[in-house]
Amino acid sequence: MTTTYQFLAAWVTSRIDDERGASLVEYALLVALIAVVCIAAVTALGSSASSKFSEVASNL
């Protein structure tokens, strides 16, 4: 995971320092990647939270 983060950080830094600027496609890919990560995190945490709420409700 750390190497992926380092790669993305280096890639973004190289794109920011580039005088030509980043294209709309590159920004769209970054937004899509962030959206996929957020959806995966919400899905993983959502099922865990749902099971905890169900457990608490059944104990009440």
Protein backbone atom coordinates (compact mmCIF):
# COMPACT_ATOMS: atom_id res chain seq x y z
CA MET A 1 0.00 0.00 0.00
CA THR A 2 2.83 2.38 0.83
CA THR A 3 4.49 1.88 -2.54
CA THR A 4 1.20 2.63 -4.27
CA TYR A 5 0.85 5.82 -2.24
CA GLN A 6 4.43 6.83 -3.01
CA PHE A 7 3.87 6.17 -6.71
CA LEU A 8 0.68 8.25 -6.78
CA ALA A 9 2.32 11.06 -4.81
CA ALA A 10 5.29 11.13 -7.18
CA TRP A 11 2.99 10.99 -10.20
CA VAL A 12 0.82 13.85 -8.95
CA THR A 13 3.88 15.92 -8.03
CA SER A 14 5.38 15.39 -11.47
CA ARG A 15 2.12 16.47 -13.08
CA ILE A 16 1.87 19.60 -10.93
CA ASP A 17 5.46 20.63 -11.71
CA ASP A 18 4.91 20.12 -15.43
CA GLU A 19 4.57 23.50 -17.15
CA ARG A 20 2.17 22.13 -19.73
CA GLY A 21 -0.39 21.47 -16.99
CA ALA A 22 -2.53 18.46 -16.39
CA SER A 23 -5.19 17.57 -18.88
CA LEU A 24 -8.83 17.06 -18.07
CA VAL A 25 -8.46 13.33 -18.68
CA GLU A 26 -5.81 13.02 -15.96
CA TYR A 27 -7.99 14.84 -13.45
CA ALA A 28 -10.95 12.66 -14.41
CA LEU A 29 -8.88 9.52 -13.82
CA LEU A 30 -7.80 10.78 -10.41
CA VAL A 31 -11.39 11.59 -9.45
CA ALA A 32 -12.53 8.17 -10.67
CA LEU A 33 -9.81 6.44 -8.63
CA ILE A 34 -10.75 8.38 -5.50
CA ALA A 35 -14.43 7.57 -6.06
CA VAL A 36 -13.69 3.84 -6.40
CA VAL A 37 -11.65 3.86 -3.18
CA CYS A 38 -14.40 5.73 -1.32
CA ILE A 39 -17.10 3.37 -2.56
CA ALA A 40 -15.04 0.34 -1.56
CA ALA A 41 -14.42 1.79 1.91
CA VAL A 42 -18.08 2.63 2.46
CA THR A 43 -19.13 -0.82 1.27
CA ALA A 44 -16.67 -2.56 3.57
CA LEU A 45 -17.47 -0.41 6.59
CA GLY A 46 -21.18 -0.36 5.87
CA SER A 47 -21.64 -4.09 6.17
CA SER A 48 -19.56 -4.16 9.34
CA ALA A 49 -21.53 -1.30 10.88
CA SER A 50 -24.82 -2.89 9.86
CA SER A 51 -23.93 -6.14 11.59
CA LYS A 52 -22.93 -4.25 14.76
CA PHE A 53 -26.20 -2.31 14.79
CA SER A 54 -28.14 -5.55 14.32
CA GLU A 55 -26.20 -7.13 17.20
CA VAL A 56 -26.95 -4.19 19.49
CA ALA A 57 -30.61 -4.19 18.50
CA SER A 58 -30.97 -7.88 19.22
CA ASN A 59 -29.33 -7.44 22.64
CA LEU A 60 -31.78 -4.70 23.56
